[in-house]
């Protein structure tokens, strides 16, 4: 299939990514509700065929309902995060580094204020699921830890869109805040063994996979 073209869309502290292939585009994440006008302007002419949510936190899903309505496209995510769509603070987050603990406090505040229009996913994604029918050469990778239902999208070109399974805050690392530390570490190993070349996090700039580290190994 044709190479997947990447458009990085930054919305405040979070990232969205538009992946465009030979017969359509897929939007990964939809940032905050206030980002609808800017996001819609940037993607309305790009033949978007699907919105994929990497997990259920408000800073990644806020614009989803309105965008899906305007673009007339389905929404896909892991069923494991369905409860977060109703109550984003229904599951506790943890951290074990100084930076992570500070980020946890900020995250709790953001989620408490992050009101989203009701989202009703059309597709529940599974590990290894292909997105070729939506126009891009890419597949789903489950990456639990940050949330139970965290997922990523890896393209045939070696680009891995990891949501909040990895961060690039101060430096690239595994997720600094998480629901389950053991799962987060396991997902980090999945990313490192994936063969990907570039990682595209939900927060911070994209970076080469060789720069990815485990959180807390001496500096964070």
N, C-alpha and C. Protein backbone atom coordinates (compact mmCIF):
# COMPACT_ATOMS: atom_id res chain seq x y z
N UNK A 1 0.83 -1.20 0.00
CA UNK A 1 0.00 0.00 0.00
C UNK A 1 0.87 1.25 0.00
N UNK A 2 0.24 2.37 -0.34
CA UNK A 2 0.93 3.65 -0.38
C UNK A 2 1.44 4.04 1.00
N UNK A 3 2.57 4.75 1.02
CA UNK A 3 3.14 5.25 2.27
C UNK A 3 2.12 6.09 3.03
N UNK A 4 2.11 5.95 4.35
CA UNK A 4 1.21 6.73 5.18
C UNK A 4 1.83 8.09 5.48
N UNK A 5 1.13 9.15 5.09
CA UNK A 5 1.59 10.50 5.35
C UNK A 5 1.07 10.95 6.71
N UNK A 6 1.91 11.64 7.47
CA UNK A 6 1.59 12.01 8.84
C UNK A 6 1.47 13.52 8.97
N UNK A 7 0.35 13.97 9.53
CA UNK A 7 0.18 15.38 9.88
C UNK A 7 0.04 15.47 11.39
N UNK A 8 0.99 16.15 12.01
CA UNK A 8 1.00 16.32 13.46
C UNK A 8 0.19 17.57 13.80
N UNK A 9 -0.87 17.40 14.59
CA UNK A 9 -1.73 18.51 14.98
C UNK A 9 -1.63 18.68 16.49
N UNK A 10 -1.05 19.77 16.93
CA UNK A 10 -0.92 20.01 18.36
C UNK A 10 -2.08 20.86 18.86
N UNK A 11 -2.69 20.42 19.95
CA UNK A 11 -3.80 21.15 20.57
C UNK A 11 -3.45 21.39 22.03
N UNK A 12 -2.87 22.53 22.34
CA UNK A 12 -2.45 22.80 23.70
C UNK A 12 -1.35 21.85 24.11
N UNK A 13 -1.58 21.06 25.17
CA UNK A 13 -0.57 20.14 25.65
C UNK A 13 -0.67 18.75 25.03
N UNK A 14 -1.66 18.52 24.21
CA UNK A 14 -1.89 17.19 23.63
C UNK A 14 -1.68 17.20 22.13
N UNK A 15 -1.48 16.00 21.58
CA UNK A 15 -1.28 15.82 20.15
C UNK A 15 -2.39 15.01 19.52
N UNK A 16 -2.74 15.39 18.30
CA UNK A 16 -3.54 14.56 17.41
C UNK A 16 -2.67 14.27 16.19
N UNK A 17 -2.98 13.19 15.51
CA UNK A 17 -2.23 12.84 14.31
C UNK A 17 -3.20 12.41 13.22
N UNK A 18 -3.04 12.99 12.05
CA UNK A 18 -3.83 12.60 10.88
C UNK A 18 -2.95 11.72 10.00
N UNK A 19 -3.40 10.47 9.79
CA UNK A 19 -2.66 9.53 8.95
C UNK A 19 -3.39 9.39 7.64
N UNK A 20 -2.71 9.67 6.54
CA UNK A 20 -3.33 9.67 5.23
C UNK A 20 -2.68 8.64 4.33
N UNK A 21 -3.50 7.75 3.77
CA UNK A 21 -3.02 6.73 2.85
C UNK A 21 -3.58 6.95 1.47
N UNK A 22 -3.58 5.88 0.69
CA UNK A 22 -4.00 6.02 -0.71
C UNK A 22 -5.49 6.20 -0.90
N UNK A 23 -6.30 5.77 0.08
CA UNK A 23 -7.75 5.85 -0.13
C UNK A 23 -8.49 6.40 1.09
N UNK A 24 -7.78 7.19 1.90
CA UNK A 24 -8.47 7.78 3.03
C UNK A 24 -7.52 8.16 4.15
N UNK A 25 -8.10 8.75 5.19
CA UNK A 25 -7.32 9.20 6.35
C UNK A 25 -7.96 8.70 7.64
N UNK A 26 -7.13 8.56 8.65
CA UNK A 26 -7.57 8.20 9.99
C UNK A 26 -7.05 9.25 10.95
N UNK A 27 -7.92 9.79 11.79
CA UNK A 27 -7.52 10.75 12.81
C UNK A 27 -7.31 10.02 14.12
N UNK A 28 -6.12 10.17 14.70
CA UNK A 28 -5.81 9.57 15.99
C UNK A 28 -5.96 10.61 17.08
N UNK A 29 -6.91 10.41 17.94
CA UNK A 29 -7.27 11.27 19.06
C UNK A 29 -7.91 12.58 18.60
N UNK A 30 -8.60 13.22 19.55
CA UNK A 30 -9.38 14.41 19.19
C UNK A 30 -9.30 15.50 20.26
N UNK A 31 -8.29 15.46 21.08
CA UNK A 31 -7.97 16.54 22.03
C UNK A 31 -9.19 17.04 22.80
N UNK A 32 -9.21 18.34 23.11
CA UNK A 32 -10.26 18.88 23.96
C UNK A 32 -11.46 19.40 23.18
N UNK A 33 -12.55 19.59 23.89
CA UNK A 33 -13.78 20.03 23.25
C UNK A 33 -13.63 21.39 22.59
N UNK A 34 -12.82 22.26 23.17
CA UNK A 34 -12.62 23.59 22.60
C UNK A 34 -11.81 23.57 21.31
N UNK A 35 -11.21 22.41 20.99
CA UNK A 35 -10.37 22.30 19.80
C UNK A 35 -11.16 21.95 18.55
N UNK A 36 -12.48 21.78 18.66
CA UNK A 36 -13.29 21.36 17.51
C UNK A 36 -13.10 22.27 16.30
N UNK A 37 -13.23 23.60 16.41
CA UNK A 37 -13.13 24.44 15.21
C UNK A 37 -11.80 24.29 14.49
N UNK A 38 -10.69 24.29 15.23
CA UNK A 38 -9.37 24.21 14.61
C UNK A 38 -9.14 22.83 14.01
N UNK A 39 -9.52 21.79 14.74
CA UNK A 39 -9.35 20.44 14.21
C UNK A 39 -10.18 20.22 12.95
N UNK A 40 -11.42 20.65 12.99
CA UNK A 40 -12.29 20.44 11.84
C UNK A 40 -11.74 21.17 10.61
N UNK A 41 -11.25 22.36 10.79
CA UNK A 41 -10.68 23.13 9.69
C UNK A 41 -9.51 22.38 9.05
N UNK A 42 -8.71 21.73 9.87
CA UNK A 42 -7.50 21.06 9.37
C UNK A 42 -7.78 19.70 8.73
N UNK A 43 -8.89 19.05 9.09
CA UNK A 43 -9.11 17.69 8.57
C UNK A 43 -10.32 17.56 7.65
N UNK A 44 -11.13 18.60 7.51
CA UNK A 44 -12.41 18.45 6.81
C UNK A 44 -12.27 18.07 5.34
N UNK A 45 -11.14 18.40 4.73
CA UNK A 45 -10.94 18.09 3.31
C UNK A 45 -9.97 16.93 3.10
N UNK A 46 -9.74 16.13 4.13
CA UNK A 46 -8.72 15.08 4.06
C UNK A 46 -9.31 13.66 3.99
N UNK A 47 -10.58 13.55 3.64
CA UNK A 47 -11.22 12.24 3.48
C UNK A 47 -11.03 11.37 4.72
N UNK A 48 -11.33 11.94 5.88
CA UNK A 48 -11.24 11.18 7.13
C UNK A 48 -12.31 10.10 7.13
N UNK A 49 -11.90 8.86 7.41
CA UNK A 49 -12.84 7.73 7.38
C UNK A 49 -13.03 7.10 8.76
N UNK A 50 -12.19 7.50 9.72
CA UNK A 50 -12.28 6.91 11.05
C UNK A 50 -11.57 7.80 12.06
N UNK A 51 -12.14 7.90 13.27
CA UNK A 51 -11.47 8.54 14.40
C UNK A 51 -11.11 7.44 15.39
N UNK A 52 -9.82 7.33 15.69
CA UNK A 52 -9.34 6.34 16.66
C UNK A 52 -8.94 7.06 17.94
N UNK A 53 -9.43 6.57 19.06
CA UNK A 53 -9.07 7.12 20.37
C UNK A 53 -8.10 6.18 21.06
N UNK A 54 -6.92 6.70 21.44
CA UNK A 54 -5.92 5.84 22.06
C UNK A 54 -6.28 5.45 23.49
N UNK A 55 -7.11 6.25 24.15
CA UNK A 55 -7.61 5.92 25.49
C UNK A 55 -8.72 6.91 25.85
N UNK A 56 -9.30 6.76 27.04
CA UNK A 56 -10.52 7.49 27.34
C UNK A 56 -10.38 8.76 28.16
N UNK A 57 -9.23 9.37 28.22
CA UNK A 57 -9.07 10.60 29.00
C UNK A 57 -9.53 11.83 28.21
N UNK A 58 -10.12 12.83 28.90
CA UNK A 58 -10.74 13.97 28.24
C UNK A 58 -9.83 14.78 27.32
N UNK A 59 -8.53 14.87 27.65
CA UNK A 59 -7.64 15.67 26.80
C UNK A 59 -7.33 14.98 25.48
N UNK A 60 -7.85 13.76 25.29
CA UNK A 60 -7.65 13.04 24.03
C UNK A 60 -8.96 12.76 23.29
N UNK A 61 -10.08 12.99 23.94
CA UNK A 61 -11.37 12.61 23.33
C UNK A 61 -12.38 13.75 23.27
N UNK A 62 -12.04 14.92 23.81
CA UNK A 62 -13.02 15.97 24.01
C UNK A 62 -13.77 16.44 22.77
N UNK A 63 -13.08 16.47 21.63
CA UNK A 63 -13.70 16.96 20.40
C UNK A 63 -14.34 15.85 19.58
N UNK A 64 -14.29 14.63 20.07
CA UNK A 64 -14.67 13.46 19.27
C UNK A 64 -16.11 13.51 18.79
N UNK A 65 -17.06 13.70 19.69
CA UNK A 65 -18.47 13.62 19.32
C UNK A 65 -18.83 14.62 18.22
N UNK A 66 -18.39 15.85 18.38
CA UNK A 66 -18.72 16.89 17.40
C UNK A 66 -18.01 16.64 16.07
N UNK A 67 -16.74 16.23 16.14
CA UNK A 67 -16.01 15.95 14.90
C UNK A 67 -16.63 14.78 14.15
N UNK A 68 -16.96 13.72 14.87
CA UNK A 68 -17.57 12.56 14.22
C UNK A 68 -18.88 12.93 13.54
N UNK A 69 -19.64 13.81 14.19
CA UNK A 69 -20.91 14.27 13.62
C UNK A 69 -20.67 15.09 12.36
N UNK A 70 -19.72 16.02 12.43
CA UNK A 70 -19.46 16.89 11.27
C UNK A 70 -18.86 16.12 10.09
N UNK A 71 -18.00 15.15 10.40
CA UNK A 71 -17.31 14.41 9.35
C UNK A 71 -18.08 13.18 8.90
N UNK A 72 -19.11 12.80 9.67
CA UNK A 72 -19.92 11.61 9.37
C UNK A 72 -19.05 10.36 9.31
N UNK A 73 -18.25 10.16 10.35
CA UNK A 73 -17.35 9.01 10.41
C UNK A 73 -17.53 8.26 11.72
N UNK A 74 -17.18 6.97 11.75
CA UNK A 74 -17.27 6.19 12.97
C UNK A 74 -16.12 6.50 13.93
N UNK A 75 -16.33 6.12 15.19
CA UNK A 75 -15.32 6.29 16.25
C UNK A 75 -14.93 4.90 16.75
N UNK A 76 -13.62 4.70 16.95
CA UNK A 76 -13.12 3.41 17.38
C UNK A 76 -12.19 3.56 18.58
N UNK A 77 -12.27 2.60 19.51
CA UNK A 77 -11.39 2.59 20.66
C UNK A 77 -11.46 1.20 21.30
N UNK A 78 -10.75 1.00 22.41
CA UNK A 78 -10.84 -0.26 23.15
C UNK A 78 -12.03 -0.24 24.09
N UNK A 79 -12.74 -1.34 24.12
CA UNK A 79 -13.89 -1.44 25.02
C UNK A 79 -13.47 -1.37 26.49
N UNK A 80 -12.20 -1.65 26.76
CA UNK A 80 -11.69 -1.62 28.13
C UNK A 80 -11.74 -0.22 28.75
N UNK A 81 -11.84 0.81 27.92
CA UNK A 81 -11.92 2.18 28.44
C UNK A 81 -13.32 2.77 28.33
N UNK A 82 -14.30 1.96 28.05
CA UNK A 82 -15.66 2.46 27.86
C UNK A 82 -16.17 3.21 29.09
N UNK A 83 -15.86 2.72 30.29
CA UNK A 83 -16.37 3.37 31.49
C UNK A 83 -15.79 4.77 31.68
N UNK A 84 -14.60 5.03 31.12
CA UNK A 84 -14.00 6.35 31.25
C UNK A 84 -14.76 7.41 30.45
N UNK A 85 -15.50 6.98 29.45
CA UNK A 85 -16.30 7.93 28.67
C UNK A 85 -17.41 8.53 29.51
N UNK A 86 -17.88 7.78 30.49
CA UNK A 86 -18.94 8.26 31.38
C UNK A 86 -18.36 8.99 32.59
N UNK A 87 -17.22 8.49 33.09
CA UNK A 87 -16.62 9.09 34.28
C UNK A 87 -15.09 8.95 34.19
N UNK A 88 -14.40 9.98 33.72
CA UNK A 88 -12.95 9.88 33.50
C UNK A 88 -12.13 9.71 34.77
N UNK A 89 -12.72 9.96 35.92
CA UNK A 89 -11.99 9.78 37.17
C UNK A 89 -12.46 8.53 37.92
N UNK A 90 -13.09 7.61 37.20
CA UNK A 90 -13.61 6.40 37.84
C UNK A 90 -12.50 5.42 38.22
N UNK A 91 -11.31 5.58 37.64
CA UNK A 91 -10.20 4.69 37.97
C UNK A 91 -9.00 5.51 38.41
N UNK A 92 -8.36 5.08 39.49
CA UNK A 92 -7.25 5.84 40.07
C UNK A 92 -6.01 5.78 39.20
N UNK A 93 -5.24 6.87 39.23
CA UNK A 93 -3.95 6.93 38.56
C UNK A 93 -2.84 6.95 39.60
N UNK A 94 -1.68 6.40 39.24
CA UNK A 94 -0.55 6.33 40.15
C UNK A 94 0.70 6.86 39.46
N UNK A 95 1.73 7.13 40.26
CA UNK A 95 3.02 7.59 39.74
C UNK A 95 4.08 7.27 40.77
N UNK A 96 5.32 7.06 40.31
CA UNK A 96 6.39 6.73 41.24
C UNK A 96 7.62 7.62 41.08
N UNK A 97 7.54 8.62 40.20
CA UNK A 97 8.65 9.55 40.03
C UNK A 97 8.19 10.95 40.44
N UNK A 98 9.14 11.83 40.67
CA UNK A 98 8.79 13.21 41.05
C UNK A 98 7.98 13.88 39.95
N UNK A 99 8.48 13.78 38.73
CA UNK A 99 7.77 14.38 37.60
C UNK A 99 6.39 13.76 37.43
N UNK A 100 6.32 12.43 37.60
CA UNK A 100 5.05 11.74 37.46
C UNK A 100 4.04 12.17 38.49
N UNK A 101 4.49 12.36 39.73
CA UNK A 101 3.57 12.76 40.80
C UNK A 101 3.04 14.17 40.56
N UNK A 102 3.89 15.05 40.04
CA UNK A 102 3.42 16.40 39.70
C UNK A 102 2.43 16.34 38.54
N UNK A 103 2.75 15.50 37.56
CA UNK A 103 1.87 15.35 36.41
C UNK A 103 0.54 14.73 36.82
N UNK A 104 0.58 13.83 37.77
CA UNK A 104 -0.64 13.20 38.26
C UNK A 104 -1.60 14.24 38.84
N UNK A 105 -1.07 15.17 39.60
CA UNK A 105 -1.91 16.23 40.17
C UNK A 105 -2.53 17.09 39.06
N UNK A 106 -1.72 17.41 38.07
CA UNK A 106 -2.23 18.21 36.95
C UNK A 106 -3.27 17.44 36.15
N UNK A 107 -3.02 16.14 35.96
CA UNK A 107 -3.95 15.29 35.21
C UNK A 107 -5.30 15.20 35.90
N UNK A 108 -5.27 15.05 37.22
CA UNK A 108 -6.51 14.95 37.98
C UNK A 108 -7.34 16.21 37.82
N UNK A 109 -6.66 17.37 37.83
CA UNK A 109 -7.36 18.64 37.65
C UNK A 109 -7.97 18.74 36.25
N UNK A 110 -7.19 18.35 35.24
CA UNK A 110 -7.65 18.41 33.85
C UNK A 110 -8.86 17.50 33.65
N UNK A 111 -8.79 16.29 34.19
CA UNK A 111 -9.88 15.33 34.00
C UNK A 111 -11.14 15.77 34.74
N UNK A 112 -10.95 16.44 35.86
CA UNK A 112 -12.11 16.92 36.61
C UNK A 112 -12.86 18.01 35.88
N UNK A 113 -12.14 18.78 35.04
CA UNK A 113 -12.75 19.88 34.30
C UNK A 113 -13.11 19.49 32.87
N UNK A 114 -12.61 18.35 32.43
CA UNK A 114 -12.75 17.97 31.03
C UNK A 114 -14.11 17.41 30.70
N UNK A 115 -15.06 18.26 30.46
CA UNK A 115 -16.41 17.82 30.09
C UNK A 115 -16.47 17.49 28.60
N UNK A 116 -17.01 16.34 28.29
CA UNK A 116 -17.10 15.91 26.90
C UNK A 116 -18.56 15.64 26.53
N UNK A 117 -18.88 15.95 25.28
CA UNK A 117 -20.17 15.53 24.79
C UNK A 117 -20.20 14.01 24.75
N UNK A 118 -21.36 13.43 24.86
CA UNK A 118 -21.49 11.98 24.92
C UNK A 118 -20.89 11.31 23.68
N UNK A 119 -20.04 10.30 23.93
CA UNK A 119 -19.40 9.57 22.85
C UNK A 119 -19.92 8.14 22.85
N UNK A 120 -20.34 7.67 21.70
CA UNK A 120 -20.79 6.30 21.55
C UNK A 120 -19.95 5.63 20.47
N UNK A 121 -18.87 4.95 20.87
CA UNK A 121 -17.99 4.31 19.88
C UNK A 121 -18.76 3.34 18.98
N UNK A 122 -18.38 3.34 17.72
CA UNK A 122 -19.01 2.44 16.75
C UNK A 122 -18.24 1.14 16.61
N UNK A 123 -16.95 1.18 16.96
CA UNK A 123 -16.07 0.03 16.74
C UNK A 123 -15.22 -0.19 17.99
N UNK A 124 -15.19 -1.43 18.47
CA UNK A 124 -14.29 -1.79 19.56
C UNK A 124 -13.05 -2.44 18.94
N UNK A 125 -11.92 -1.85 19.16
CA UNK A 125 -10.68 -2.32 18.53
C UNK A 125 -10.06 -3.48 19.29
N UNK A 126 -9.37 -4.34 18.56
CA UNK A 126 -8.68 -5.48 19.15
C UNK A 126 -7.22 -5.48 18.69
N UNK A 127 -6.39 -6.19 19.42
CA UNK A 127 -4.97 -6.25 19.11
C UNK A 127 -4.73 -6.85 17.72
N UNK A 128 -3.90 -6.18 16.94
CA UNK A 128 -3.57 -6.66 15.60
C UNK A 128 -4.56 -6.31 14.52
N UNK A 129 -5.64 -5.64 14.87
CA UNK A 129 -6.67 -5.30 13.89
C UNK A 129 -6.12 -4.37 12.82
N UNK A 130 -6.36 -4.68 11.56
CA UNK A 130 -5.89 -3.87 10.45
C UNK A 130 -6.80 -2.67 10.21
N UNK A 131 -6.19 -1.57 9.78
CA UNK A 131 -6.95 -0.37 9.42
C UNK A 131 -6.94 -0.13 7.91
N UNK A 132 -6.59 -1.15 7.16
CA UNK A 132 -6.50 -0.99 5.71
C UNK A 132 -7.84 -0.62 5.09
N UNK A 133 -8.93 -1.12 5.67
CA UNK A 133 -10.24 -0.80 5.10
C UNK A 133 -10.59 0.68 5.25
N UNK A 134 -9.84 1.40 6.08
CA UNK A 134 -10.06 2.84 6.26
C UNK A 134 -9.02 3.67 5.51
N UNK A 135 -8.21 2.99 4.69
CA UNK A 135 -7.33 3.72 3.78
C UNK A 135 -5.86 3.77 4.14
N UNK A 136 -5.48 3.19 5.28
CA UNK A 136 -4.07 3.29 5.67
C UNK A 136 -3.49 1.91 6.01
N UNK A 137 -2.20 1.75 5.73
CA UNK A 137 -1.49 0.52 6.03
C UNK A 137 -0.99 0.59 7.48
N UNK A 138 -1.85 0.16 8.40
CA UNK A 138 -1.54 0.26 9.82
C UNK A 138 -2.39 -0.75 10.59
N UNK A 139 -1.96 -1.03 11.83
CA UNK A 139 -2.71 -1.96 12.67
C UNK A 139 -2.71 -1.50 14.12
N UNK A 140 -3.60 -2.09 14.88
CA UNK A 140 -3.78 -1.74 16.29
C UNK A 140 -2.83 -2.56 17.16
N UNK A 141 -2.29 -1.92 18.19
CA UNK A 141 -1.50 -2.62 19.21
C UNK A 141 -2.06 -2.25 20.58
N UNK A 142 -2.44 -3.23 21.37
CA UNK A 142 -2.96 -2.93 22.72
C UNK A 142 -1.77 -2.62 23.63
N UNK A 143 -1.91 -1.54 24.41
CA UNK A 143 -0.83 -1.04 25.27
C UNK A 143 -1.37 -0.68 26.65
N UNK A 144 -1.96 -1.61 27.38
CA UNK A 144 -2.53 -1.29 28.69
C UNK A 144 -1.48 -0.83 29.69
N UNK A 145 -1.94 -0.07 30.65
CA UNK A 145 -1.05 0.43 31.70
C UNK A 145 -1.41 1.85 32.08
N UNK A 146 -1.24 2.77 31.15
CA UNK A 146 -1.67 4.15 31.40
C UNK A 146 -3.16 4.13 31.73
N UNK A 147 -3.92 3.46 30.89
CA UNK A 147 -5.29 3.06 31.21
C UNK A 147 -5.43 1.60 30.79
N UNK A 148 -6.47 0.96 31.28
CA UNK A 148 -6.70 -0.45 30.97
C UNK A 148 -6.88 -0.66 29.48
N UNK A 149 -7.48 0.33 28.80
CA UNK A 149 -7.77 0.18 27.39
C UNK A 149 -6.89 0.98 26.46
N UNK A 150 -5.72 1.38 26.91
CA UNK A 150 -4.82 2.14 26.04
C UNK A 150 -4.39 1.30 24.84
N UNK A 151 -4.38 1.95 23.68
CA UNK A 151 -3.93 1.29 22.45
C UNK A 151 -2.99 2.21 21.69
N UNK A 152 -2.30 1.63 20.71
CA UNK A 152 -1.49 2.41 19.80
C UNK A 152 -1.78 1.97 18.38
N UNK A 153 -1.27 2.73 17.44
CA UNK A 153 -1.40 2.41 16.02
C UNK A 153 0.00 2.38 15.43
N UNK A 154 0.36 1.27 14.80
CA UNK A 154 1.68 1.13 14.18
C UNK A 154 1.50 0.95 12.67
N UNK A 155 2.24 1.74 11.90
CA UNK A 155 2.12 1.69 10.44
C UNK A 155 3.15 0.74 9.85
N UNK A 156 2.91 0.38 8.61
CA UNK A 156 3.85 -0.46 7.90
C UNK A 156 5.16 0.23 7.60
N UNK A 157 5.19 1.54 7.78
CA UNK A 157 6.42 2.32 7.55
C UNK A 157 7.28 2.43 8.80
N UNK A 158 6.81 1.85 9.93
CA UNK A 158 7.60 1.89 11.14
C UNK A 158 7.33 3.06 12.05
N UNK A 159 6.18 3.69 11.89
CA UNK A 159 5.77 4.78 12.77
C UNK A 159 4.75 4.24 13.78
N UNK A 160 4.98 4.54 15.06
CA UNK A 160 4.15 3.99 16.13
C UNK A 160 3.52 5.14 16.91
N UNK A 161 2.19 5.24 16.86
CA UNK A 161 1.44 6.27 17.55
C UNK A 161 0.97 5.67 18.87
N UNK A 162 1.60 6.08 19.96
CA UNK A 162 1.49 5.33 21.22
C UNK A 162 0.55 5.96 22.24
N UNK A 163 -0.11 7.06 21.91
CA UNK A 163 -0.98 7.70 22.89
C UNK A 163 -0.20 8.08 24.12
N UNK A 164 -0.72 7.75 25.30
CA UNK A 164 -0.01 8.06 26.54
C UNK A 164 0.72 6.85 27.12
N UNK A 165 0.96 5.84 26.28
CA UNK A 165 1.79 4.72 26.71
C UNK A 165 3.25 5.16 26.81
N UNK A 166 3.58 6.28 26.17
CA UNK A 166 4.90 6.89 26.30
C UNK A 166 4.72 8.40 26.27
N UNK A 167 5.61 9.09 26.95
CA UNK A 167 5.59 10.55 27.02
C UNK A 167 6.90 11.10 26.46
N UNK A 168 6.88 12.37 26.09
CA UNK A 168 8.12 13.08 25.82
C UNK A 168 8.07 14.41 26.57
N UNK A 169 8.07 14.29 27.89
CA UNK A 169 8.07 15.46 28.78
C UNK A 169 9.42 15.46 29.49
N UNK A 170 10.22 16.46 29.27
CA UNK A 170 11.61 16.54 29.71
C UNK A 170 12.49 15.60 28.89
N UNK A 171 12.08 14.36 28.76
CA UNK A 171 12.78 13.40 27.90
C UNK A 171 11.82 12.26 27.59
N UNK A 172 12.09 11.48 26.53
CA UNK A 172 11.22 10.36 26.19
C UNK A 172 11.25 9.27 27.27
N UNK A 173 10.08 8.76 27.64
CA UNK A 173 10.01 7.69 28.64
C UNK A 173 8.68 6.98 28.52
N UNK A 174 8.57 5.87 29.24
CA UNK A 174 7.28 5.24 29.38
C UNK A 174 6.34 6.16 30.13
N UNK A 175 5.09 5.79 30.22
CA UNK A 175 4.08 6.65 30.83
C UNK A 175 4.45 7.02 32.27
N UNK A 176 4.35 8.30 32.58
CA UNK A 176 4.70 8.79 33.91
C UNK A 176 3.56 8.64 34.90
N UNK A 177 2.34 8.51 34.40
CA UNK A 177 1.17 8.25 35.25
C UNK A 177 0.43 7.07 34.64
N UNK A 178 -0.17 6.25 35.50
CA UNK A 178 -0.71 4.99 35.00
C UNK A 178 -1.71 4.41 35.99
N UNK A 179 -2.56 3.54 35.47
CA UNK A 179 -3.47 2.78 36.33
C UNK A 179 -2.77 1.54 36.89
N UNK A 180 -1.85 0.97 36.10
CA UNK A 180 -1.22 -0.28 36.49
C UNK A 180 0.25 -0.25 36.06
N UNK A 181 1.16 -0.21 37.03
CA UNK A 181 2.59 -0.08 36.73
C UNK A 181 3.12 -1.29 35.97
N UNK A 182 2.76 -2.49 36.40
CA UNK A 182 3.27 -3.69 35.73
C UNK A 182 2.83 -3.75 34.27
N UNK A 183 1.57 -3.42 34.01
CA UNK A 183 1.09 -3.40 32.63
C UNK A 183 1.78 -2.33 31.81
N UNK A 184 2.01 -1.17 32.44
CA UNK A 184 2.70 -0.09 31.73
C UNK A 184 4.09 -0.53 31.30
N UNK A 185 4.81 -1.20 32.19
CA UNK A 185 6.16 -1.67 31.88
C UNK A 185 6.11 -2.73 30.78
N UNK A 186 5.13 -3.61 30.82
CA UNK A 186 4.99 -4.63 29.78
C UNK A 186 4.70 -3.99 28.42
N UNK A 187 3.85 -2.97 28.42
CA UNK A 187 3.53 -2.29 27.18
C UNK A 187 4.73 -1.54 26.63
N UNK A 188 5.54 -1.01 27.53
CA UNK A 188 6.77 -0.35 27.11
C UNK A 188 7.68 -1.34 26.38
N UNK A 189 7.75 -2.55 26.89
CA UNK A 189 8.55 -3.58 26.23
C UNK A 189 7.96 -3.96 24.87
N UNK A 190 6.63 -3.96 24.78
CA UNK A 190 5.98 -4.22 23.48
C UNK A 190 6.41 -3.16 22.47
N UNK A 191 6.42 -1.92 22.89
CA UNK A 191 6.83 -0.83 22.00
C UNK A 191 8.29 -1.02 21.59
N UNK A 192 9.16 -1.30 22.55
CA UNK A 192 10.58 -1.43 22.27
C UNK A 192 10.89 -2.61 21.34
N UNK A 193 10.06 -3.65 21.38
CA UNK A 193 10.27 -4.83 20.54
C UNK A 193 9.50 -4.75 19.21
N UNK A 194 8.81 -3.67 18.98
CA UNK A 194 7.90 -3.58 17.84
C UNK A 194 8.61 -3.46 16.49
N UNK A 195 9.86 -3.04 16.51
CA UNK A 195 10.55 -2.79 15.25
C UNK A 195 10.27 -1.42 14.68
N UNK A 196 9.50 -0.61 15.40
CA UNK A 196 9.19 0.75 14.93
C UNK A 196 10.45 1.61 14.91
N UNK A 197 10.40 2.64 14.10
CA UNK A 197 11.53 3.56 13.99
C UNK A 197 11.27 4.86 14.74
N UNK A 198 10.06 5.37 14.62
CA UNK A 198 9.69 6.64 15.26
C UNK A 198 8.47 6.43 16.14
N UNK A 199 8.48 7.10 17.30
CA UNK A 199 7.34 7.06 18.21
C UNK A 199 6.67 8.42 18.25
N UNK A 200 5.35 8.40 18.27
CA UNK A 200 4.53 9.61 18.27
C UNK A 200 3.66 9.60 19.52
N UNK A 201 4.07 10.33 20.57
CA UNK A 201 3.35 10.30 21.85
C UNK A 201 2.16 11.24 21.87
N UNK A 202 1.30 11.04 22.87
CA UNK A 202 0.17 11.94 23.05
C UNK A 202 0.57 13.30 23.59
N UNK A 203 1.75 13.35 24.21
CA UNK A 203 2.26 14.60 24.76
C UNK A 203 3.75 14.71 24.45
N UNK A 204 4.14 15.83 23.86
CA UNK A 204 5.54 16.03 23.50
C UNK A 204 5.81 15.70 22.04
N UNK A 205 7.04 15.99 21.61
CA UNK A 205 7.42 15.81 20.22
C UNK A 205 7.71 14.34 19.89
N UNK A 206 7.48 13.94 18.65
CA UNK A 206 7.88 12.60 18.21
C UNK A 206 9.38 12.40 18.38
N UNK A 207 9.80 11.14 18.55
CA UNK A 207 11.21 10.86 18.78
C UNK A 207 11.58 9.47 18.28
N UNK A 208 12.86 9.23 17.97
CA UNK A 208 13.30 7.90 17.54
C UNK A 208 13.16 6.90 18.68
N UNK A 209 12.82 5.67 18.35
CA UNK A 209 12.52 4.67 19.37
C UNK A 209 13.72 4.40 20.27
N UNK A 210 14.94 4.56 19.76
CA UNK A 210 16.11 4.28 20.59
C UNK A 210 16.27 5.25 21.76
N UNK A 211 15.54 6.34 21.75
CA UNK A 211 15.60 7.29 22.86
C UNK A 211 14.63 6.96 23.99
N UNK A 212 13.76 5.99 23.76
CA UNK A 212 12.75 5.63 24.77
C UNK A 212 13.40 4.96 25.97
N UNK A 213 13.03 5.41 27.17
CA UNK A 213 13.56 4.83 28.40
C UNK A 213 12.41 4.48 29.35
N UNK A 214 12.74 3.73 30.38
CA UNK A 214 11.77 3.43 31.42
C UNK A 214 11.71 4.61 32.39
N UNK A 215 10.53 5.03 32.84
CA UNK A 215 10.42 6.15 33.76
C UNK A 215 11.09 5.83 35.10
N UNK A 216 11.80 6.81 35.63
CA UNK A 216 12.39 6.65 36.95
C UNK A 216 13.79 6.06 36.95
N UNK A 217 14.41 5.90 35.78
CA UNK A 217 15.74 5.31 35.79
C UNK A 217 16.82 6.37 35.99
N UNK A 218 16.66 7.13 37.09
CA UNK A 218 17.72 8.03 37.50
C UNK A 218 17.51 9.50 37.29
N UNK A 219 16.55 9.88 36.40
CA UNK A 219 16.43 11.31 36.10
C UNK A 219 15.03 11.88 36.26
N UNK A 220 14.02 11.02 36.22
CA UNK A 220 12.65 11.53 36.37
C UNK A 220 12.00 10.92 37.61
